[in-house]
Amino acid sequence: MVTDTKVVDASALAAILFQEPRSASIAGRLDGARLKAPFLLGHELAKVCLMKCKRHPDQREVLVQGFRLLRNFEVEAVATDHDAVLALALTTGLTACDASYLWLSRHLDAELVTLDRQLMTEASRPS
């Protein structure tokens, strides 16, 4: 049963897809939630996979298989307001990509699930 909406960023999903240390805790936080993310999520995860493949070429096949598990997640891609995202990035010092997740979580009044410390800090501040 879906209980609530959560915005999930690339750092959180990468932890699950690539079996990183905090994957179990992130999976628990996402369980049963309706997941949403900006359209850029797939591109960001492809970038993470590419970087991991370059650092660990011997693990390429396993990493690509992990990336393909993204298909198993029902993450709704949502358009963001680019002007508002830019303003938020300028105000917070976040990258435009990170600001898009923060903007979406605020716009939807939804919890932001991330492993990014700076993004987590900004998400905990009142909007």
N, C-alpha and C. Protein backbone atom coordinates (compact mmCIF):
# COMPACT_ATOMS: atom_id res chain seq x y z
N MET A 1 0.83 -1.18 0.00
CA MET A 1 0.00 0.00 0.00
C MET A 1 0.88 1.25 0.00
N VAL A 2 0.61 2.19 -0.90
CA VAL A 2 1.35 3.44 -0.98
C VAL A 2 0.85 4.35 0.14
N THR A 3 1.79 4.84 0.94
CA THR A 3 1.39 5.65 2.09
C THR A 3 1.59 7.14 1.87
N ASP A 4 2.64 7.53 1.18
CA ASP A 4 2.90 8.95 0.97
C ASP A 4 3.82 9.16 -0.21
N THR A 5 3.99 10.42 -0.57
CA THR A 5 4.86 10.78 -1.68
C THR A 5 6.21 11.20 -1.12
N LYS A 6 7.27 10.72 -1.77
CA LYS A 6 8.63 11.14 -1.41
C LYS A 6 9.38 11.49 -2.68
N VAL A 7 10.22 12.50 -2.58
CA VAL A 7 11.12 12.86 -3.67
C VAL A 7 12.43 12.15 -3.39
N VAL A 8 12.92 11.41 -4.36
CA VAL A 8 14.15 10.64 -4.19
C VAL A 8 15.21 11.19 -5.14
N ASP A 9 16.42 11.38 -4.63
CA ASP A 9 17.49 11.89 -5.50
C ASP A 9 18.41 10.78 -5.94
N ALA A 10 19.35 11.13 -6.81
CA ALA A 10 20.26 10.15 -7.39
C ALA A 10 21.16 9.50 -6.35
N SER A 11 21.57 10.25 -5.33
CA SER A 11 22.46 9.65 -4.32
C SER A 11 21.76 8.53 -3.57
N ALA A 12 20.48 8.72 -3.28
CA ALA A 12 19.73 7.70 -2.55
C ALA A 12 19.49 6.46 -3.41
N LEU A 13 19.07 6.66 -4.65
CA LEU A 13 18.84 5.50 -5.52
C LEU A 13 20.13 4.81 -5.89
N ALA A 14 21.21 5.56 -6.06
CA ALA A 14 22.50 4.95 -6.38
C ALA A 14 22.94 4.02 -5.26
N ALA A 15 22.66 4.40 -4.03
CA ALA A 15 23.02 3.54 -2.89
C ALA A 15 22.36 2.18 -3.03
N ILE A 16 21.12 2.17 -3.47
CA ILE A 16 20.40 0.90 -3.64
C ILE A 16 20.89 0.16 -4.88
N LEU A 17 20.94 0.84 -6.00
CA LEU A 17 21.30 0.20 -7.27
C LEU A 17 22.69 -0.40 -7.25
N PHE A 18 23.61 0.28 -6.57
CA PHE A 18 25.01 -0.17 -6.59
C PHE A 18 25.44 -0.78 -5.26
N GLN A 19 24.45 -1.15 -4.45
CA GLN A 19 24.67 -1.86 -3.18
C GLN A 19 25.71 -1.17 -2.30
N GLU A 20 25.49 0.12 -2.10
CA GLU A 20 26.38 0.90 -1.25
C GLU A 20 25.98 0.70 0.22
N PRO A 21 26.85 1.07 1.15
CA PRO A 21 26.63 0.77 2.56
C PRO A 21 25.27 1.16 3.15
N ARG A 22 24.68 2.25 2.75
CA ARG A 22 23.43 2.70 3.37
C ARG A 22 22.20 2.26 2.57
N SER A 23 22.36 1.30 1.68
CA SER A 23 21.25 0.89 0.81
C SER A 23 20.04 0.37 1.58
N ALA A 24 20.26 -0.40 2.62
CA ALA A 24 19.13 -0.96 3.38
C ALA A 24 18.31 0.13 4.07
N SER A 25 18.99 1.11 4.65
CA SER A 25 18.24 2.17 5.33
C SER A 25 17.47 3.02 4.33
N ILE A 26 18.04 3.28 3.17
CA ILE A 26 17.35 4.05 2.14
C ILE A 26 16.16 3.26 1.61
N ALA A 27 16.36 1.98 1.34
CA ALA A 27 15.26 1.14 0.85
C ALA A 27 14.11 1.14 1.85
N GLY A 28 14.41 1.10 3.12
CA GLY A 28 13.38 1.14 4.15
C GLY A 28 12.60 2.44 4.14
N ARG A 29 13.30 3.54 3.91
CA ARG A 29 12.64 4.85 3.87
C ARG A 29 11.74 5.00 2.64
N LEU A 30 12.09 4.31 1.56
CA LEU A 30 11.31 4.42 0.32
C LEU A 30 10.16 3.43 0.24
N ASP A 31 10.23 2.39 1.04
CA ASP A 31 9.25 1.31 0.98
C ASP A 31 7.82 1.83 1.15
N GLY A 32 6.98 1.51 0.19
CA GLY A 32 5.58 1.88 0.28
C GLY A 32 5.27 3.30 -0.14
N ALA A 33 6.27 4.08 -0.51
CA ALA A 33 6.04 5.48 -0.89
C ALA A 33 5.83 5.61 -2.39
N ARG A 34 5.12 6.66 -2.77
CA ARG A 34 4.99 7.04 -4.17
C ARG A 34 6.21 7.90 -4.46
N LEU A 35 7.09 7.44 -5.34
CA LEU A 35 8.36 8.13 -5.58
C LEU A 35 8.27 9.09 -6.76
N LYS A 36 8.86 10.26 -6.56
CA LYS A 36 8.91 11.27 -7.61
C LYS A 36 10.31 11.86 -7.66
N ALA A 37 10.69 12.33 -8.84
CA ALA A 37 12.00 12.96 -9.04
C ALA A 37 11.95 13.84 -10.28
N PRO A 38 12.85 14.80 -10.36
CA PRO A 38 12.94 15.59 -11.60
C PRO A 38 13.36 14.69 -12.77
N PHE A 39 13.07 15.14 -13.97
CA PHE A 39 13.40 14.36 -15.17
C PHE A 39 14.89 13.99 -15.25
N LEU A 40 15.75 14.73 -14.60
CA LEU A 40 17.19 14.49 -14.73
C LEU A 40 17.69 13.26 -13.97
N LEU A 41 16.85 12.60 -13.18
CA LEU A 41 17.28 11.48 -12.35
C LEU A 41 18.01 10.40 -13.15
N GLY A 42 17.45 9.95 -14.26
CA GLY A 42 18.07 8.89 -15.05
C GLY A 42 19.44 9.29 -15.57
N HIS A 43 19.59 10.53 -15.98
CA HIS A 43 20.88 11.02 -16.47
C HIS A 43 21.91 11.04 -15.35
N GLU A 44 21.48 11.48 -14.19
CA GLU A 44 22.41 11.52 -13.05
C GLU A 44 22.86 10.11 -12.67
N LEU A 45 21.94 9.16 -12.67
CA LEU A 45 22.31 7.79 -12.32
C LEU A 45 23.20 7.16 -13.39
N ALA A 46 22.97 7.50 -14.65
CA ALA A 46 23.86 7.02 -15.72
C ALA A 46 25.27 7.58 -15.52
N LYS A 47 25.35 8.83 -15.11
CA LYS A 47 26.66 9.45 -14.84
C LYS A 47 27.36 8.74 -13.68
N VAL A 48 26.62 8.44 -12.62
CA VAL A 48 27.20 7.73 -11.47
C VAL A 48 27.72 6.37 -11.93
N CYS A 49 26.92 5.66 -12.71
CA CYS A 49 27.33 4.33 -13.19
C CYS A 49 28.59 4.44 -14.06
N LEU A 50 28.62 5.41 -14.94
CA LEU A 50 29.79 5.61 -15.80
C LEU A 50 31.04 5.88 -14.99
N MET A 51 30.92 6.74 -13.98
CA MET A 51 32.09 7.05 -13.13
C MET A 51 32.56 5.79 -12.38
N LYS A 52 31.62 5.01 -11.87
CA LYS A 52 31.98 3.79 -11.16
C LYS A 52 32.64 2.79 -12.11
N CYS A 53 32.13 2.70 -13.34
CA CYS A 53 32.72 1.80 -14.33
C CYS A 53 34.15 2.20 -14.68
N LYS A 54 34.41 3.50 -14.75
CA LYS A 54 35.76 3.98 -15.04
C LYS A 54 36.71 3.71 -13.89
N ARG A 55 36.20 3.85 -12.65
CA ARG A 55 37.03 3.59 -11.47
C ARG A 55 37.25 2.11 -11.22
N HIS A 56 36.26 1.31 -11.61
CA HIS A 56 36.32 -0.14 -11.34
C HIS A 56 35.95 -0.91 -12.61
N PRO A 57 36.82 -0.87 -13.63
CA PRO A 57 36.48 -1.52 -14.90
C PRO A 57 36.21 -3.02 -14.77
N ASP A 58 36.78 -3.65 -13.78
CA ASP A 58 36.56 -5.08 -13.58
C ASP A 58 35.14 -5.37 -13.08
N GLN A 59 34.43 -4.36 -12.62
CA GLN A 59 33.06 -4.53 -12.11
C GLN A 59 32.00 -3.97 -13.07
N ARG A 60 32.42 -3.68 -14.28
CA ARG A 60 31.55 -3.02 -15.25
C ARG A 60 30.21 -3.74 -15.43
N GLU A 61 30.25 -5.03 -15.65
CA GLU A 61 29.02 -5.79 -15.92
C GLU A 61 28.06 -5.72 -14.73
N VAL A 62 28.58 -5.88 -13.53
CA VAL A 62 27.74 -5.82 -12.33
C VAL A 62 27.16 -4.42 -12.14
N LEU A 63 27.97 -3.40 -12.40
CA LEU A 63 27.50 -2.03 -12.25
C LEU A 63 26.40 -1.70 -13.26
N VAL A 64 26.58 -2.12 -14.50
CA VAL A 64 25.57 -1.87 -15.52
C VAL A 64 24.28 -2.62 -15.18
N GLN A 65 24.40 -3.83 -14.66
CA GLN A 65 23.21 -4.57 -14.23
C GLN A 65 22.51 -3.83 -13.09
N GLY A 66 23.29 -3.28 -12.18
CA GLY A 66 22.71 -2.48 -11.09
C GLY A 66 21.96 -1.28 -11.62
N PHE A 67 22.56 -0.59 -12.59
CA PHE A 67 21.91 0.57 -13.19
C PHE A 67 20.58 0.18 -13.82
N ARG A 68 20.55 -0.96 -14.46
CA ARG A 68 19.31 -1.42 -15.12
C ARG A 68 18.19 -1.73 -14.13
N LEU A 69 18.53 -1.93 -12.87
CA LEU A 69 17.50 -2.17 -11.85
C LEU A 69 16.61 -0.95 -11.64
N LEU A 70 17.05 0.21 -12.13
CA LEU A 70 16.24 1.41 -12.03
C LEU A 70 14.86 1.18 -12.63
N ARG A 71 14.79 0.32 -13.64
CA ARG A 71 13.50 0.00 -14.28
C ARG A 71 12.50 -0.59 -13.29
N ASN A 72 13.00 -1.21 -12.23
CA ASN A 72 12.12 -1.85 -11.25
C ASN A 72 11.49 -0.85 -10.29
N PHE A 73 12.01 0.35 -10.27
CA PHE A 73 11.48 1.39 -9.38
C PHE A 73 10.45 2.20 -10.15
N GLU A 74 9.35 2.44 -9.53
CA GLU A 74 8.33 3.27 -10.16
C GLU A 74 8.53 4.71 -9.67
N VAL A 75 9.42 5.40 -10.36
CA VAL A 75 9.71 6.80 -10.01
C VAL A 75 9.08 7.67 -11.09
N GLU A 76 8.15 8.48 -10.68
CA GLU A 76 7.50 9.38 -11.62
C GLU A 76 8.40 10.59 -11.88
N ALA A 77 8.73 10.81 -13.14
CA ALA A 77 9.53 11.97 -13.53
C ALA A 77 8.61 13.18 -13.61
N VAL A 78 9.03 14.25 -12.95
CA VAL A 78 8.20 15.45 -12.84
C VAL A 78 8.98 16.65 -13.38
N ALA A 79 8.29 17.48 -14.14
CA ALA A 79 8.91 18.71 -14.65
C ALA A 79 9.10 19.69 -13.49
N THR A 80 10.18 20.45 -13.56
CA THR A 80 10.44 21.46 -12.54
C THR A 80 10.38 22.85 -13.18
N ASP A 81 10.22 23.84 -12.34
CA ASP A 81 10.22 25.23 -12.77
C ASP A 81 11.67 25.69 -12.80
N HIS A 82 12.25 25.81 -13.98
CA HIS A 82 13.67 26.12 -14.11
C HIS A 82 14.04 27.46 -13.51
N ASP A 83 13.17 28.45 -13.65
CA ASP A 83 13.45 29.76 -13.05
C ASP A 83 13.52 29.64 -11.53
N ALA A 84 12.57 28.91 -10.95
CA ALA A 84 12.55 28.74 -9.50
C ALA A 84 13.74 27.91 -9.02
N VAL A 85 14.11 26.92 -9.81
CA VAL A 85 15.27 26.09 -9.46
C VAL A 85 16.54 26.93 -9.46
N LEU A 86 16.71 27.77 -10.48
CA LEU A 86 17.88 28.65 -10.53
C LEU A 86 17.90 29.59 -9.34
N ALA A 87 16.78 30.18 -9.02
CA ALA A 87 16.71 31.09 -7.87
C ALA A 87 17.07 30.35 -6.58
N LEU A 88 16.58 29.13 -6.44
CA LEU A 88 16.88 28.33 -5.25
C LEU A 88 18.37 27.98 -5.19
N ALA A 89 18.96 27.64 -6.33
CA ALA A 89 20.39 27.34 -6.38
C ALA A 89 21.22 28.56 -6.00
N LEU A 90 20.83 29.72 -6.49
CA LEU A 90 21.55 30.95 -6.16
C LEU A 90 21.42 31.29 -4.68
N THR A 91 20.28 31.03 -4.11
CA THR A 91 20.03 31.34 -2.70
C THR A 91 20.74 30.38 -1.76
N THR A 92 20.76 29.10 -2.12
CA THR A 92 21.28 28.06 -1.22
C THR A 92 22.74 27.68 -1.47
N GLY A 93 23.24 27.95 -2.67
CA GLY A 93 24.58 27.51 -3.01
C GLY A 93 24.61 26.08 -3.54
N LEU A 94 23.43 25.47 -3.71
CA LEU A 94 23.37 24.12 -4.28
C LEU A 94 23.63 24.17 -5.77
N THR A 95 23.97 23.03 -6.35
CA THR A 95 24.03 22.95 -7.81
C THR A 95 22.60 23.05 -8.34
N ALA A 96 22.46 23.35 -9.61
CA ALA A 96 21.13 23.41 -10.20
C ALA A 96 20.45 22.04 -10.12
N CYS A 97 21.21 20.98 -10.30
CA CYS A 97 20.64 19.62 -10.20
C CYS A 97 20.09 19.38 -8.80
N ASP A 98 20.90 19.64 -7.79
CA ASP A 98 20.45 19.42 -6.42
C ASP A 98 19.27 20.34 -6.07
N ALA A 99 19.32 21.57 -6.55
CA ALA A 99 18.22 22.50 -6.28
C ALA A 99 16.92 22.01 -6.91
N SER A 100 17.01 21.27 -8.01
CA SER A 100 15.78 20.77 -8.63
C SER A 100 15.08 19.75 -7.73
N TYR A 101 15.85 18.93 -7.01
CA TYR A 101 15.25 17.98 -6.07
C TYR A 101 14.63 18.73 -4.89
N LEU A 102 15.34 19.73 -4.39
CA LEU A 102 14.84 20.51 -3.27
C LEU A 102 13.58 21.27 -3.67
N TRP A 103 13.60 21.89 -4.84
CA TRP A 103 12.42 22.61 -5.30
C TRP A 103 11.23 21.67 -5.40
N LEU A 104 11.44 20.49 -5.98
CA LEU A 104 10.34 19.54 -6.16
C LEU A 104 9.79 19.08 -4.81
N SER A 105 10.65 18.81 -3.86
CA SER A 105 10.16 18.37 -2.55
C SER A 105 9.35 19.47 -1.88
N ARG A 106 9.78 20.70 -2.04
CA ARG A 106 9.02 21.82 -1.46
C ARG A 106 7.71 22.04 -2.22
N HIS A 107 7.77 21.95 -3.53
CA HIS A 107 6.59 22.15 -4.36
C HIS A 107 5.51 21.11 -4.04
N LEU A 108 5.94 19.87 -3.80
CA LEU A 108 5.00 18.79 -3.51
C LEU A 108 4.73 18.63 -2.02
N ASP A 109 5.45 19.40 -1.20
CA ASP A 109 5.38 19.24 0.25
C ASP A 109 5.64 17.79 0.63
N ALA A 110 6.73 17.26 0.07
CA ALA A 110 7.08 15.85 0.26
C ALA A 110 8.48 15.73 0.85
N GLU A 111 8.69 14.66 1.59
CA GLU A 111 10.02 14.39 2.14
C GLU A 111 11.01 14.18 1.01
N LEU A 112 12.21 14.72 1.18
CA LEU A 112 13.30 14.51 0.23
C LEU A 112 14.22 13.44 0.81
N VAL A 113 14.41 12.36 0.06
CA VAL A 113 15.28 11.28 0.49
C VAL A 113 16.59 11.42 -0.28
N THR A 114 17.66 11.71 0.45
CA THR A 114 18.97 11.96 -0.15
C THR A 114 20.06 11.53 0.81
N LEU A 115 21.23 11.29 0.27
CA LEU A 115 22.42 11.05 1.09
C LEU A 115 23.38 12.24 1.02
N ASP A 116 23.02 13.23 0.22
CA ASP A 116 23.85 14.42 0.04
C ASP A 116 23.69 15.32 1.27
N ARG A 117 24.77 15.55 1.99
CA ARG A 117 24.70 16.32 3.25
C ARG A 117 24.22 17.75 3.06
N GLN A 118 24.76 18.43 2.06
CA GLN A 118 24.36 19.82 1.84
C GLN A 118 22.88 19.89 1.46
N LEU A 119 22.45 18.99 0.62
CA LEU A 119 21.05 18.96 0.21
C LEU A 119 20.15 18.62 1.40
N MET A 120 20.60 17.69 2.23
CA MET A 120 19.85 17.32 3.43
C MET A 120 19.70 18.52 4.38
N THR A 121 20.79 19.26 4.53
CA THR A 121 20.77 20.45 5.39
C THR A 121 19.78 21.47 4.86
N GLU A 122 19.81 21.74 3.56
CA GLU A 122 18.91 22.72 2.98
C GLU A 122 17.45 22.25 3.05
N ALA A 123 17.24 20.95 2.92
CA ALA A 123 15.87 20.41 2.98
C ALA A 123 15.29 20.53 4.37
N SER A 124 16.15 20.54 5.39
CA SER A 124 15.67 20.63 6.77
C SER A 124 15.35 22.06 7.18
N ARG A 125 15.78 23.03 6.38
CA ARG A 125 15.49 24.45 6.69
C ARG A 125 14.08 24.80 6.21
N PRO A 126 13.45 25.72 6.94
CA PRO A 126 12.13 26.17 6.47
C PRO A 126 12.25 26.86 5.11
N SER A 127 11.25 26.67 4.27
CA SER A 127 11.31 27.28 2.93
C SER A 127 10.81 28.70 2.92
